[in-house]
Amino acid sequence: MERRVFIAIGLSFLVLYMYQAYFAPPPPTPRPAATSTAQTAQQPASTGATPAEAPAQAGAAVAPVTSPATPPPQSIVGESSVRTITVDTMTVQAVFTNSGARLLHWRLKQYRDAVGQPVDLVPSGLPAVEQLPFSLRVDQPELTARLNTAVYRVSGDTNGHVDATKTATLAFEYEDASGLHVRKQFEFSPSNYIVKVTASVTNGNQTINPNIVWGPGLGDIAASVSNPGFFNRSAPPPPEVVLHRAGKVERILINNITRQPVQEAVFRFAGVDTHYFMMAAVNPGQVRMEARPLEVTAAQGARRLLVSSAFKFAGGANGKSYFIGPKQFDLLRSIDGELVRAVNFGFFGWLAVPLLSGLKWLHGIVGNWGWSIVLLTVLINLAMFPLRHKSVVSMRRMQEIQPQVKAIQDRYASLKVTDPARQKMNSEMMNLYREKGINPAGGCIPMLVMMPVLIAFYALLGQAIELRGADFGWWIKDLSQPDPYFVIPILVGITMFWQTWLSPTTTDPAQRNMMLVMPIMFSFIFLTTAAGTALYWLISNIWGIGQQYFTNWLIGPPVIHAARPAAERRLKNAGGGRTAGAEKR
């Protein structure tokens, strides 16, 4: 029975992996207007120019806009030249342009990309038609273009630089002769990646509630590539829409966004996230969020999948807070207790959270995330030692009576499953178990109790941003990436084979051979799994091998009970169902 549980778990894991890797629906085909190459147009982050923007198409979310056909009215409040303003907090370097009062860069100082530069959550190499973060969009296309191409007057900066070691404010203002007046204000928190945005637009006597456009994102390193090769499946999954409403967290995969591009409700938070980073409006109240998928081809030919988004707040875009940063559990909890649910620990998240706390505690002692994983794995296995020991002992006892079990099964092998006489077989087997003092589920139950802990720890290692870029030593330079030389996956396969060979079995030879093939399958799976997760699995296997040897020494070699003669089996004790031979013993 217990072997069937293991087989079911292993095959389920394998089927899910193979489906995700090879049969999952392909990324959505991007709209023609959204697909282009980086060499045809660049963001103004590198040139200082402000891209022209086009009117929103009916029914399309965050659509690009073009420049107005007629010259805009002369500005009354504004500046004569385009320039950039840099805001430095303890965690972020934000670069704005006064052309449209928009964001060019949002660089995270504590996180590095593949070339060692700060991660920039504003994607680079996008088409000029795509809107920059904190662009404004209104119903009139010509007015939208003016809002995002006007040169704003800047206040709150010191010669283009703001040192926000404390809460700091940066304001942009524009007014022209036609009566258009726009003011944007950004208030920066010094240490938690929060920016509070206020945007007010009046056109003559009319007050306008604009859409706040984030645009394509997020631009962390390795914005996921479409159709990666087999050995590049460590690339993070595509970005997705993440929403918290009515007490539940909803995730909309990039392939499903076009089915319902508009989400409107009272949200606790709403935004777009990637594997490790997130942009979200926090406690926005009633808000309408629009999203659309976007595929961009970079100059090197790599294709990136992004999600473009925009927000419209029911009460106006004044004083709305945005979190733009890492999905670091303690950080998110300090901002809003529900924001931690953006970290997708899965069904056993309630177990993953204390395991994460334990991992951080060990890291505070040893100072290395790899050794912290090793130590926590040992502690988990030490805590589960009694359950695993009980499981092995139960499996051993089942192994010892296997010849007797098979003899009973052979007696009824010619009967159909629906034959009522087969119930006698079950009665005989239960009498045998009772006689030997064996619980047939004794080997399964302890393993099932352990499974939530193992699954939670597995999910933790796959989601914890603390492992991103963590150097274990030797050849492992990043525990969140696969082993570059496949050393740990090969060792996982070897130790898993060894452990399977040692384990007592009650299965027939064909099933046992199948169990021995599974380590090969798992080795291939771990070729593309994060090194930290593979390391955890390896240490668990080594511990299991050691415990198996200890248990074998403790309980001694198996004593195989031969099948009893048929005549002895037919003799029953009228009192309790024990055989006559057993009663004599």
Protein backbone atom coordinates (compact mmCIF):
# COMPACT_ATOMS: atom_id res chain seq x y z
CA MET A 1 0.00 0.00 0.00
CA GLU A 2 2.74 2.42 0.99
CA ARG A 3 4.61 1.79 -2.27
CA ARG A 4 1.52 2.69 -4.23
CA VAL A 5 1.36 5.97 -2.33
CA PHE A 6 4.98 6.71 -3.25
CA ILE A 7 4.36 5.78 -6.87
CA ALA A 8 1.26 7.98 -7.03
CA ILE A 9 3.09 10.95 -5.50
CA GLY A 10 6.09 10.55 -7.79
CA LEU A 11 4.08 10.08 -10.96
CA SER A 12 1.79 13.00 -10.09
CA PHE A 13 4.81 15.24 -9.62
CA LEU A 14 6.28 14.02 -12.90
CA VAL A 15 3.03 14.49 -14.85
CA LEU A 16 2.58 18.04 -13.52
CA TYR A 17 6.16 18.93 -14.43
CA MET A 18 5.99 17.43 -17.93
CA TYR A 19 2.66 19.18 -18.60
CA GLN A 20 3.99 22.54 -17.47
CA ALA A 21 7.23 22.09 -19.36
CA TYR A 22 5.93 20.78 -22.67
CA PHE A 23 2.12 20.89 -22.95
CA ALA A 24 1.08 24.11 -21.22
CA PRO A 25 -0.74 26.58 -23.49
CA PRO A 26 1.65 28.83 -25.41
CA PRO A 27 1.94 32.51 -24.57
CA PRO A 28 -0.79 34.68 -26.07
CA THR A 29 -0.16 36.12 -29.48
CA PRO A 30 0.48 39.82 -28.88
CA ARG A 31 -1.46 42.45 -30.73
CA PRO A 32 0.34 43.80 -33.77
CA ALA A 33 0.65 47.25 -32.23
CA ALA A 34 2.28 45.85 -29.14
CA THR A 35 5.02 43.77 -30.81
CA SER A 36 8.16 45.42 -32.09
CA THR A 37 11.92 45.35 -31.78
CA ALA A 38 14.11 47.35 -29.53
CA GLN A 39 16.34 48.48 -32.38
CA THR A 40 13.50 50.43 -34.01
CA ALA A 41 12.75 52.54 -30.94
CA GLN A 42 14.28 53.08 -27.53
CA GLN A 43 12.98 54.37 -24.24
CA PRO A 44 13.79 57.97 -23.39
CA ALA A 45 15.85 56.65 -20.48
CA SER A 46 18.85 56.45 -22.78
CA THR A 47 18.22 59.37 -25.12
CA GLY A 48 16.45 61.89 -22.92
CA ALA A 49 13.72 62.24 -25.57
CA THR A 50 10.08 61.78 -24.69
CA PRO A 51 8.22 59.25 -26.84
CA ALA A 52 5.11 60.30 -28.66
CA GLU A 53 1.98 58.60 -27.45
CA ALA A 54 -1.21 57.55 -29.18
CA PRO A 55 -4.90 57.53 -28.25
CA ALA A 56 -6.38 54.56 -26.46
CA GLN A 57 -8.30 52.19 -28.69
CA ALA A 58 -11.82 51.31 -27.66
CA GLY A 59 -11.83 48.27 -25.41
CA ALA A 60 -8.01 48.03 -25.24
CA ALA A 61 -6.24 48.46 -21.93
CA VAL A 62 -3.25 50.77 -21.64
CA ALA A 63 -3.19 51.46 -25.38
CA PRO A 64 -0.42 53.66 -26.82
CA VAL A 65 -1.14 57.21 -27.95
CA THR A 66 0.28 59.53 -30.61
CA SER A 67 1.21 63.17 -30.58
CA PRO A 68 -1.52 65.71 -31.25
CA ALA A 69 -1.91 66.87 -34.81
CA THR A 70 -1.97 70.53 -33.82
CA PRO A 71 0.63 72.35 -31.69
CA PRO A 72 -0.30 72.50 -28.00
CA PRO A 73 -1.20 75.86 -26.44
CA GLN A 74 1.67 77.89 -25.02
CA SER A 75 2.57 76.90 -21.48
CA ILE A 76 2.11 79.30 -18.58
CA VAL A 77 3.55 77.08 -15.87
CA GLY A 78 6.26 74.70 -17.04
CA GLU A 79 9.88 74.60 -18.14
CA SER A 80 11.57 75.24 -21.44
CA SER A 81 13.78 72.16 -21.60
CA VAL A 82 13.54 68.47 -20.84
CA ARG A 83 15.63 67.17 -17.96
CA THR A 84 15.82 64.28 -15.52
CA ILE A 85 15.48 64.30 -11.74
CA THR A 86 16.96 61.52 -9.59
CA VAL A 87 15.52 60.55 -6.21
CA ASP A 88 17.71 58.45 -3.92
CA THR A 89 16.15 56.62 -0.99
CA MET A 90 17.86 53.99 1.14
CA THR A 91 16.45 51.25 -1.10
CA VAL A 92 15.65 52.81 -4.49
CA GLN A 93 17.07 55.14 -7.09
CA ALA A 94 14.16 56.62 -9.04
CA VAL A 95 14.80 58.66 -12.19
CA PHE A 96 12.03 60.91 -13.55
CA THR A 97 11.74 63.03 -16.65
CA ASN A 98 9.90 66.35 -16.54
CA SER A 99 8.52 65.54 -19.98
CA GLY A 100 5.15 64.22 -18.92
CA ALA A 101 6.34 63.92 -15.29
CA ARG A 102 6.95 60.21 -15.72
CA LEU A 103 9.27 57.52 -14.41
CA LEU A 104 12.29 56.41 -16.42
CA HIS A 105 13.99 54.07 -13.95
CA TRP A 106 13.17 52.40 -10.65
CA ARG A 107 16.43 50.77 -9.58
CA LEU A 108 16.56 48.54 -6.49
CA LYS A 109 19.85 49.15 -4.70
CA GLN A 110 19.91 45.85 -2.81
CA TYR A 111 19.24 43.53 -5.77
CA ARG A 112 21.50 42.93 -8.78
CA ASP A 113 20.89 41.65 -12.27
CA ALA A 114 22.97 39.17 -14.23
CA VAL A 115 25.67 41.74 -15.01
CA GLY A 116 25.89 43.08 -11.48
CA GLN A 117 23.83 46.24 -11.99
CA PRO A 118 20.89 47.25 -9.77
CA VAL A 119 17.65 45.61 -10.90
CA ASP A 120 15.51 48.14 -12.79
CA LEU A 121 11.78 47.44 -12.57
CA VAL A 122 11.08 49.78 -15.51
CA PRO A 123 11.75 47.62 -18.59
CA SER A 124 14.32 48.84 -21.07
CA GLY A 125 14.33 48.41 -24.82
CA LEU A 126 10.60 48.96 -25.27
CA PRO A 127 8.95 50.46 -28.36
CA ALA A 128 8.51 54.23 -28.31
CA VAL A 129 4.72 53.83 -28.51
CA GLU A 130 4.60 52.16 -25.08
CA GLN A 131 3.81 54.44 -22.17
CA LEU A 132 6.16 55.08 -19.27
CA PRO A 133 5.13 54.51 -15.64
CA PHE A 134 2.89 57.20 -14.15
CA SER A 135 1.70 58.44 -17.51
CA LEU A 136 -1.86 59.80 -17.49
CA ARG A 137 -4.68 58.75 -19.77
CA VAL A 138 -8.05 60.47 -20.22
CA ASP A 139 -10.96 60.00 -22.59
CA GLN A 140 -9.77 62.62 -25.09
CA PRO A 141 -6.77 61.29 -27.12
CA GLU A 142 -5.46 64.78 -27.93
CA LEU A 143 -5.55 65.77 -24.27
CA THR A 144 -3.87 62.49 -23.26
CA ALA A 145 -1.00 63.25 -25.60
CA ARG A 146 -0.59 66.77 -24.16
CA LEU A 147 -0.54 65.44 -20.61
CA ASN A 148 2.31 63.10 -21.44
CA THR A 149 4.43 65.32 -23.69
CA ALA A 150 4.21 68.65 -21.85
CA VAL A 151 7.36 69.84 -20.08
CA TYR A 152 6.51 70.24 -16.40
CA ARG A 153 7.95 72.60 -13.83
CA VAL A 154 9.67 70.67 -11.06
CA SER A 155 9.71 71.59 -7.39
CA GLY A 156 11.16 69.71 -4.48
CA ASP A 157 14.43 68.77 -6.17
CA THR A 158 17.91 70.21 -5.64
CA ASN A 159 19.60 70.61 -9.01
CA GLY A 160 18.00 67.45 -10.33
CA HIS A 161 18.68 65.29 -7.28
CA VAL A 162 16.65 64.46 -4.17
CA ASP A 163 18.23 62.74 -1.20
CA ALA A 164 15.29 60.99 0.48
CA THR A 165 16.88 59.67 3.65
CA LYS A 166 13.63 60.87 5.21
CA THR A 167 10.20 61.13 3.61
CA ALA A 168 10.65 63.38 0.59
CA THR A 169 8.27 64.96 -1.92
CA LEU A 170 8.78 65.68 -5.61
CA ALA A 171 6.14 67.74 -7.46
CA PHE A 172 5.53 68.40 -11.17
CA GLU A 173 3.17 71.09 -12.44
CA TYR A 174 2.01 72.26 -15.84
CA GLU A 175 -0.51 74.85 -17.03
CA ASP A 176 -1.16 76.29 -20.46
CA ALA A 177 -3.19 79.08 -22.01
CA SER A 178 -6.09 76.77 -22.87
CA GLY A 179 -6.91 76.32 -19.17
CA LEU A 180 -5.31 72.87 -18.78
CA HIS A 181 -3.73 72.53 -15.33
CA VAL A 182 -1.95 69.37 -14.18
CA ARG A 183 -0.14 68.61 -10.96
CA LYS A 184 1.60 65.37 -10.04
CA GLN A 185 3.16 64.78 -6.65
CA PHE A 186 5.31 61.85 -5.55
CA GLU A 187 6.00 61.20 -1.87
CA PHE A 188 8.76 58.70 -1.20
CA SER A 189 9.10 56.49 1.86
CA PRO A 190 12.81 56.13 2.64
CA SER A 191 13.01 52.39 3.25
CA ASN A 192 10.00 50.31 2.14
CA TYR A 193 9.65 50.81 -1.65
CA ILE A 194 6.40 52.77 -1.24
CA VAL A 195 5.65 55.85 -3.30
CA LYS A 196 2.46 57.84 -2.73
CA VAL A 197 1.15 59.45 -5.91
CA THR A 198 -1.29 62.34 -6.32
CA ALA A 199 -2.49 63.39 -9.77
CA SER A 200 -4.98 66.19 -10.38
CA VAL A 201 -6.14 67.38 -13.81
CA THR A 202 -8.45 70.29 -14.59
CA ASN A 203 -9.34 71.51 -18.05
CA GLY A 204 -10.99 74.90 -17.71
CA ASN A 205 -13.82 74.40 -15.24
CA GLN A 206 -13.84 70.63 -15.69
CA THR A 207 -12.16 68.32 -13.17
CA ILE A 208 -10.89 65.13 -14.78
CA ASN A 209 -10.17 61.81 -13.06
CA PRO A 210 -7.32 60.31 -15.13
CA ASN A 211 -6.10 56.75 -15.47
CA ILE A 212 -2.69 56.22 -13.87
CA VAL A 213 -0.71 54.14 -16.33
CA TRP A 214 2.13 51.93 -15.15
CA GLY A 215 2.72 50.56 -18.62
CA PRO A 216 4.72 47.41 -19.40
CA GLY A 217 6.35 45.65 -16.49
CA LEU A 218 7.98 44.40 -14.57
CA GLY A 219 11.50 44.78 -15.88
CA ASP A 220 13.47 42.64 -13.47
CA ILE A 221 16.43 40.67 -14.81
CA ALA A 222 15.27 37.90 -16.83
CA ALA A 223 11.87 39.13 -17.61
CA SER A 224 10.65 35.77 -18.67
CA VAL A 225 11.41 34.58 -22.15
CA SER A 226 8.88 32.82 -24.32
CA ASN A 227 9.57 29.27 -25.55
CA PRO A 228 12.76 28.67 -23.56
CA GLY A 229 14.88 25.62 -24.32
CA PHE A 230 14.92 22.64 -21.98
CA PHE A 231 18.06 23.71 -20.15
CA ASN A 232 16.81 27.28 -19.85
CA ARG A 233 13.66 26.42 -17.90
CA SER A 234 15.08 28.13 -14.85
CA ALA A 235 13.94 31.40 -16.40
CA PRO A 236 11.28 32.87 -14.12
CA PRO A 237 7.66 32.36 -15.07
CA PRO A 238 5.88 35.12 -16.98
CA PRO A 239 4.42 38.03 -15.02
CA GLU A 240 0.82 37.77 -13.93
CA VAL A 241 -1.92 39.95 -12.52
CA VAL A 242 -2.30 39.55 -8.75
CA LEU A 243 -5.41 40.81 -6.94
CA HIS A 244 -6.70 40.72 -3.37
CA ARG A 245 -10.44 41.13 -3.05
CA ALA A 246 -13.12 39.79 -0.73
CA GLY A 247 -10.44 38.22 1.45
CA LYS A 248 -8.99 36.09 -1.35
CA VAL A 249 -5.91 36.39 -3.55
CA GLU A 250 -6.48 35.87 -7.27
CA ARG A 251 -3.80 35.30 -9.88
CA ILE A 252 -4.48 35.77 -13.57
CA LEU A 253 -1.93 34.02 -15.76
CA ILE A 254 -0.61 35.94 -18.75
CA ASN A 255 -2.41 33.56 -21.14
CA ASN A 256 -5.76 34.37 -19.52
CA ILE A 257 -5.54 38.15 -19.26
CA THR A 258 -7.17 38.78 -22.64
CA ARG A 259 -10.29 36.87 -21.52
CA GLN A 260 -11.07 39.52 -18.92
CA PRO A 261 -8.68 42.47 -19.30
CA VAL A 262 -10.62 44.71 -16.91
CA GLN A 263 -10.98 43.98 -13.19
CA GLU A 264 -13.05 46.33 -11.02
CA ALA A 265 -13.73 45.97 -7.29
CA VAL A 266 -12.64 47.11 -3.86
CA PHE A 267 -9.12 45.69 -3.68
CA ARG A 268 -6.77 45.29 -0.73
CA PHE A 269 -4.02 45.35 -3.33
CA ALA A 270 -3.91 45.02 -7.11
CA GLY A 271 -1.02 44.91 -9.53
CA VAL A 272 1.44 42.83 -11.51
CA ASP A 273 4.07 40.52 -10.11
CA THR A 274 6.91 38.35 -11.31
CA HIS A 275 8.71 35.56 -9.50
CA TYR A 276 10.47 37.87 -7.02
CA PHE A 277 9.15 41.41 -7.58
CA MET A 278 5.83 43.22 -7.63
CA MET A 279 4.18 46.51 -8.52
CA ALA A 280 0.82 46.98 -6.79
CA ALA A 281 -1.56 49.67 -5.63
CA VAL A 282 -1.92 49.11 -1.87
CA ASN A 283 -5.30 49.67 -0.20
CA PRO A 284 -6.61 51.61 -3.21
CA GLY A 285 -10.30 51.19 -2.41
CA GLN A 286 -12.64 50.96 -5.40
CA VAL A 287 -10.44 50.76 -8.49
CA ARG A 288 -10.68 49.71 -12.10
CA MET A 289 -7.54 47.88 -13.27
CA GLU A 290 -6.82 47.24 -16.93
CA ALA A 291 -4.16 44.86 -18.21
CA ARG A 292 -2.92 43.37 -21.45
CA PRO A 293 -0.10 40.98 -22.37
CA LEU A 294 2.85 42.28 -24.34
CA GLU A 295 5.68 40.47 -26.10
CA VAL A 296 8.82 42.42 -26.89
CA THR A 297 11.75 41.30 -29.02
CA ALA A 298 15.05 42.68 -27.79
CA ALA A 299 18.02 43.56 -29.96
CA GLN A 300 19.65 40.18 -29.27
CA GLY A 301 16.54 38.34 -30.46
CA ALA A 302 15.31 37.27 -27.04
CA ARG A 303 11.57 37.62 -26.58
CA ARG A 304 10.25 38.93 -23.28
CA LEU A 305 6.74 38.57 -21.95
CA LEU A 306 5.39 41.56 -20.04
CA VAL A 307 2.06 42.80 -18.71
CA SER A 308 0.97 46.39 -19.32
CA SER A 309 -1.38 47.84 -16.70
CA ALA A 310 -3.30 50.98 -15.72
CA PHE A 311 -5.51 52.05 -12.81
CA LYS A 312 -8.52 54.31 -12.45
CA PHE A 313 -9.56 55.10 -8.87
CA ALA A 314 -13.20 55.80 -8.06
CA GLY A 315 -12.40 58.65 -5.68
CA GLY A 316 -9.70 60.23 -7.81
CA ALA A 317 -5.96 59.60 -8.05
CA ASN A 318 -4.99 61.48 -4.91
CA GLY A 319 -2.69 60.03 -2.28
CA LYS A 320 -2.67 56.47 -3.68
CA SER A 321 0.19 54.27 -2.48
CA TYR A 322 2.15 51.98 -4.77
CA PHE A 323 4.54 49.25 -3.70
CA ILE A 324 7.28 48.69 -6.29
CA GLY A 325 9.84 46.28 -4.97
CA PRO A 326 10.82 42.78 -3.84
CA LYS A 327 8.38 40.21 -2.49
CA GLN A 328 10.33 39.89 0.73
CA PHE A 329 8.04 38.43 3.38
CA ASP A 330 8.97 40.55 6.42
CA LEU A 331 9.00 43.72 4.34
CA LEU A 332 5.53 43.05 2.94
CA ARG A 333 4.20 42.25 6.40
CA SER A 334 5.51 45.57 7.73
CA ILE A 335 3.50 47.40 5.05
CA ASP A 336 0.26 45.41 5.22
CA GLY A 337 -0.38 42.05 6.83
CA GLU A 338 -2.34 40.85 3.79
CA LEU A 339 0.35 41.90 1.32
CA VAL A 340 2.41 38.84 2.27
CA ARG A 341 -0.11 36.71 0.40
CA ALA A 342 1.43 37.97 -2.82
CA VAL A 343 4.23 35.48 -2.09
CA ASN A 344 2.85 32.29 -3.57
CA PHE A 345 3.80 29.59 -1.05
CA GLY A 346 0.89 27.44 -2.19
CA PHE A 347 -1.63 25.43 -0.18
CA PHE A 348 0.77 24.83 2.70
CA GLY A 349 1.80 28.45 3.06
CA TRP A 350 0.81 28.34 6.74
CA LEU A 351 3.69 25.87 7.20
CA ALA A 352 6.10 27.63 4.85
CA VAL A 353 6.03 30.87 6.89
CA PRO A 354 7.47 29.38 10.12
CA LEU A 355 9.96 27.38 8.05
CA LEU A 356 11.09 30.64 6.43
CA SER A 357 11.52 32.19 9.87
CA GLY A 358 13.63 29.20 10.89
CA LEU A 359 15.73 29.49 7.76
CA LYS A 360 16.39 33.18 8.45
CA TRP A 361 17.28 32.41 12.07
CA LEU A 362 19.86 29.84 10.98
CA HIS A 363 21.24 32.26 8.40
CA GLY A 364 21.75 34.79 11.17
CA ILE A 365 23.97 32.20 12.89
CA VAL A 366 25.95 30.64 10.01
CA GLY A 367 25.82 33.53 7.52
CA ASN A 368 25.36 31.28 4.45
CA TRP A 369 22.01 30.41 2.90
CA GLY A 370 23.24 27.07 1.55
CA TRP A 371 24.41 25.84 4.95
CA SER A 372 21.21 27.23 6.44
CA ILE A 373 19.24 24.96 4.08
CA VAL A 374 21.41 22.01 5.10
CA LEU A 375 20.92 22.66 8.82
CA LEU A 376 17.17 23.26 8.54
CA THR A 377 16.79 20.07 6.49
CA VAL A 378 18.62 18.14 9.21
CA LEU A 379 16.42 19.68 11.92
CA ILE A 380 13.24 18.86 9.99
CA ASN A 381 14.33 15.26 9.47
CA LEU A 382 15.37 14.98 13.10
CA ALA A 383 11.90 16.12 14.18
CA MET A 384 10.32 13.57 11.81
CA PHE A 385 12.67 10.75 12.93
CA PRO A 386 10.02 8.95 15.06
CA LEU A 387 7.44 9.02 12.27
CA ARG A 388 9.91 7.77 9.67
CA HIS A 389 11.15 5.06 12.06
CA LYS A 390 7.60 3.89 12.68
CA SER A 391 6.93 3.82 8.95
CA VAL A 392 10.04 1.73 8.23
CA VAL A 393 9.26 -0.72 11.04
CA SER A 394 5.70 -1.14 9.75
CA MET A 395 6.95 -1.70 6.22
CA ARG A 396 9.45 -4.28 7.50
CA ARG A 397 6.72 -6.22 9.31
CA MET A 398 4.58 -6.13 6.19
CA GLN A 399 7.56 -7.45 4.23
CA GLU A 400 7.99 -10.36 6.67
CA ILE A 401 4.45 -11.65 6.17
CA GLN A 402 4.38 -11.03 2.42
CA PRO A 403 4.60 -14.75 1.53
CA GLN A 404 1.55 -15.44 3.69
CA VAL A 405 -0.33 -12.51 2.15
CA LYS A 406 0.50 -13.73 -1.34
CA ALA A 407 -0.63 -17.24 -0.53
CA ILE A 408 -4.05 -15.91 0.52
CA GLN A 409 -4.27 -13.77 -2.62
CA ASP A 410 -3.35 -16.71 -4.84
CA ARG A 411 -6.19 -18.80 -3.40
CA TYR A 412 -8.73 -16.24 -4.64
CA ALA A 413 -6.93 -15.13 -7.81
CA SER A 414 -9.33 -16.98 -10.09
CA LEU A 415 -12.36 -15.11 -8.74
CA LYS A 416 -13.64 -11.91 -10.27
CA VAL A 417 -13.42 -8.69 -8.29
CA THR A 418 -17.23 -8.54 -8.10
CA ASP A 419 -17.51 -12.11 -6.77
CA PRO A 420 -18.89 -12.00 -3.18
CA ALA A 421 -16.54 -14.85 -2.28
CA ARG A 422 -13.61 -12.44 -2.54
CA GLN A 423 -14.81 -10.91 0.70
CA LYS A 424 -13.45 -14.04 2.41
CA MET A 425 -9.99 -13.07 1.14
CA ASN A 426 -10.23 -9.74 2.89
CA SER A 427 -11.39 -11.42 6.07
CA GLU A 428 -8.46 -13.84 6.00
CA MET A 429 -5.97 -11.03 5.40
CA MET A 430 -7.40 -8.95 8.24
CA ASN A 431 -7.20 -11.99 10.53
CA LEU A 432 -3.56 -12.40 9.55
CA TYR A 433 -2.80 -8.74 10.25
CA ARG A 434 -4.57 -9.02 13.59
CA GLU A 435 -2.64 -12.15 14.46
CA LYS A 436 0.68 -10.49 13.71
CA GLY A 437 -0.28 -7.19 15.33
CA ILE A 438 0.22 -5.23 12.09
CA ASN A 439 -1.65 -2.15 10.93
CA PRO A 440 -1.69 -2.34 7.09
CA ALA A 441 -1.80 1.47 6.90
CA GLY A 442 1.02 1.86 9.41
CA GLY A 443 3.59 2.54 6.72
CA CYS A 444 1.45 5.10 4.88
CA ILE A 445 0.10 7.27 7.68
CA PRO A 446 3.48 8.52 9.00
CA MET A 447 4.59 9.38 5.46
CA LEU A 448 1.35 11.25 4.78
CA VAL A 449 1.85 13.24 7.98
CA MET A 450 5.32 14.24 6.79
CA MET A 451 4.24 15.24 3.28
CA PRO A 452 2.84 18.73 4.17
CA VAL A 453 6.17 19.69 5.76
CA LEU A 454 8.15 18.46 2.77
CA ILE A 455 5.86 20.22 0.27
CA ALA A 456 5.90 23.47 2.28
CA PHE A 457 9.70 23.49 2.48
CA TYR A 458 9.92 22.74 -1.24
CA ALA A 459 7.58 25.67 -2.02
CA LEU A 460 9.50 27.93 0.37
CA LEU A 461 12.81 27.32 -1.39
CA GLY A 462 11.22 28.02 -4.75
CA GLN A 463 9.69 31.38 -3.71
CA ALA A 464 11.97 32.93 -1.08
CA ILE A 465 13.72 35.96 -2.55
CA GLU A 466 16.44 35.53 0.06
CA LEU A 467 17.92 32.74 -2.09
CA ARG A 468 18.06 34.94 -5.19
CA GLY A 469 21.74 35.48 -5.95
CA ALA A 470 22.79 33.67 -2.74
CA ASP A 471 26.30 32.19 -3.06
CA PHE A 472 26.68 28.77 -1.42
CA GLY A 473 30.34 28.39 -2.31
CA TRP A 474 32.38 26.18 -4.63
CA TRP A 475 30.60 26.01 -7.99
CA ILE A 476 27.15 27.12 -6.70
CA LYS A 477 27.04 30.90 -7.11
CA ASP A 478 23.25 31.31 -7.02
CA LEU A 479 21.00 28.99 -5.04
CA SER A 480 17.95 30.18 -6.96
CA GLN A 481 19.41 28.91 -10.25
CA PRO A 482 20.08 25.30 -11.35
CA ASP A 483 23.42 23.67 -10.63
CA PRO A 484 25.52 24.71 -13.65
CA TYR A 485 27.47 21.43 -13.66
CA PHE A 486 24.56 19.14 -12.63
CA VAL A 487 26.54 17.76 -9.69
CA ILE A 488 23.74 17.99 -7.13
CA PRO A 489 21.03 16.56 -9.46
CA ILE A 490 23.25 13.56 -10.22
CA LEU A 491 23.88 13.02 -6.51
CA VAL A 492 20.12 13.29 -5.90
CA GLY A 493 19.53 10.47 -8.38
CA ILE A 494 22.27 8.28 -6.89
CA THR A 495 21.11 8.75 -3.28
CA MET A 496 17.46 8.28 -4.23
CA PHE A 497 18.33 5.00 -5.97
CA TRP A 498 20.34 3.91 -2.93
CA GLN A 499 17.52 4.78 -0.55
CA THR A 500 14.95 2.95 -2.69
CA TRP A 501 17.16 -0.13 -2.82
CA LEU A 502 17.49 -0.17 0.96
CA SER A 503 13.82 0.36 1.76
CA PRO A 504 11.75 -2.70 2.64
CA THR A 505 9.24 -3.53 -0.03
CA THR A 506 6.02 -5.49 -0.20
CA THR A 507 5.57 -4.99 -3.94
CA ASP A 508 6.11 -7.46 -6.75
CA PRO A 509 9.37 -7.32 -8.80
CA ALA A 510 7.79 -5.29 -11.62
CA GLN A 511 6.67 -2.56 -9.23
CA ARG A 512 10.05 -2.58 -7.51
CA ASN A 513 11.81 -2.12 -10.84
CA MET A 514 9.53 0.82 -11.56
CA MET A 515 10.47 2.34 -8.21
CA LEU A 516 14.14 1.98 -9.14
CA VAL A 517 13.54 3.88 -12.40
CA MET A 518 12.02 6.87 -10.60
CA PRO A 519 15.40 8.22 -9.36
CA ILE A 520 16.42 8.65 -13.00
CA MET A 521 13.26 10.67 -13.69
CA PHE A 522 13.83 12.85 -10.65
CA SER A 523 17.45 13.45 -11.69
CA PHE A 524 16.25 14.93 -14.98
CA ILE A 525 13.69 17.07 -13.16
CA PHE A 526 16.35 18.45 -10.82
CA LEU A 527 18.59 19.40 -13.75
CA THR A 528 16.39 22.49 -14.16
CA THR A 529 15.41 22.99 -10.52
CA ALA A 530 16.97 25.66 -8.30
CA ALA A 531 20.16 24.44 -6.65
CA GLY A 532 18.78 25.31 -3.20
CA THR A 533 15.80 22.99 -3.70
CA ALA A 534 18.00 20.21 -5.10
CA LEU A 535 20.34 20.64 -2.13
CA TYR A 536 17.44 20.18 0.28
CA TRP A 537 16.36 17.01 -1.52
CA LEU A 538 19.93 15.64 -1.49
CA ILE A 539 20.36 16.18 2.26
CA SER A 540 16.97 14.58 2.90
CA ASN A 541 18.04 11.52 0.89
CA ILE A 542 21.34 11.23 2.75
CA TRP A 543 19.53 11.48 6.07
CA GLY A 544 17.01 8.86 4.94
CA ILE A 545 19.81 6.46 3.98
CA GLY A 546 21.51 6.92 7.34
CA GLN A 547 18.26 6.41 9.23
CA GLN A 548 17.47 3.30 7.18
CA TYR A 549 20.80 1.75 8.14
CA PHE A 550 20.23 2.68 11.78
CA THR A 551 16.74 1.20 11.80
CA ASN A 552 17.95 -1.99 10.08
CA TRP A 553 20.63 -2.36 12.76
CA LEU A 554 18.13 -1.64 15.51
CA ILE A 555 15.43 -4.12 14.48
CA GLY A 556 17.71 -6.73 12.94
CA PRO A 557 17.30 -8.60 9.65
CA PRO A 558 13.80 -9.48 8.43
CA VAL A 559 12.29 -12.80 9.49
CA ILE A 560 10.26 -14.00 6.54
CA HIS A 561 7.26 -16.08 7.58
CA ALA A 562 6.55 -18.93 5.18
CA ALA A 563 3.01 -19.50 4.01
CA ARG A 564 1.11 -22.00 6.18
CA PRO A 565 -0.38 -25.17 4.73
CA ALA A 566 -3.93 -24.91 3.46
CA ALA A 567 -5.21 -27.35 6.06
CA GLU A 568 -3.86 -25.18 8.88
CA ARG A 569 -5.45 -22.08 7.37
CA ARG A 570 -8.85 -23.76 7.38
CA LEU A 571 -8.72 -24.46 11.10
CA LYS A 572 -10.30 -21.52 12.88
CA ASN A 573 -10.70 -20.72 16.48
CA ALA A 574 -14.34 -19.93 17.10
CA GLY A 575 -13.43 -17.19 19.59
CA GLY A 576 -11.34 -14.62 17.72
CA GLY A 577 -10.53 -15.69 14.20
CA ARG A 578 -6.97 -16.81 15.08
CA THR A 579 -5.65 -19.93 13.41
CA ALA A 580 -5.26 -23.12 15.39
CA GLY A 581 -1.53 -23.11 14.83
CA ALA A 582 -1.32 -19.56 16.12
CA GLU A 583 -3.36 -20.50 19.20
CA LYS A 584 -0.88 -23.24 20.05
CA ARG A 585 1.95 -20.77 19.79
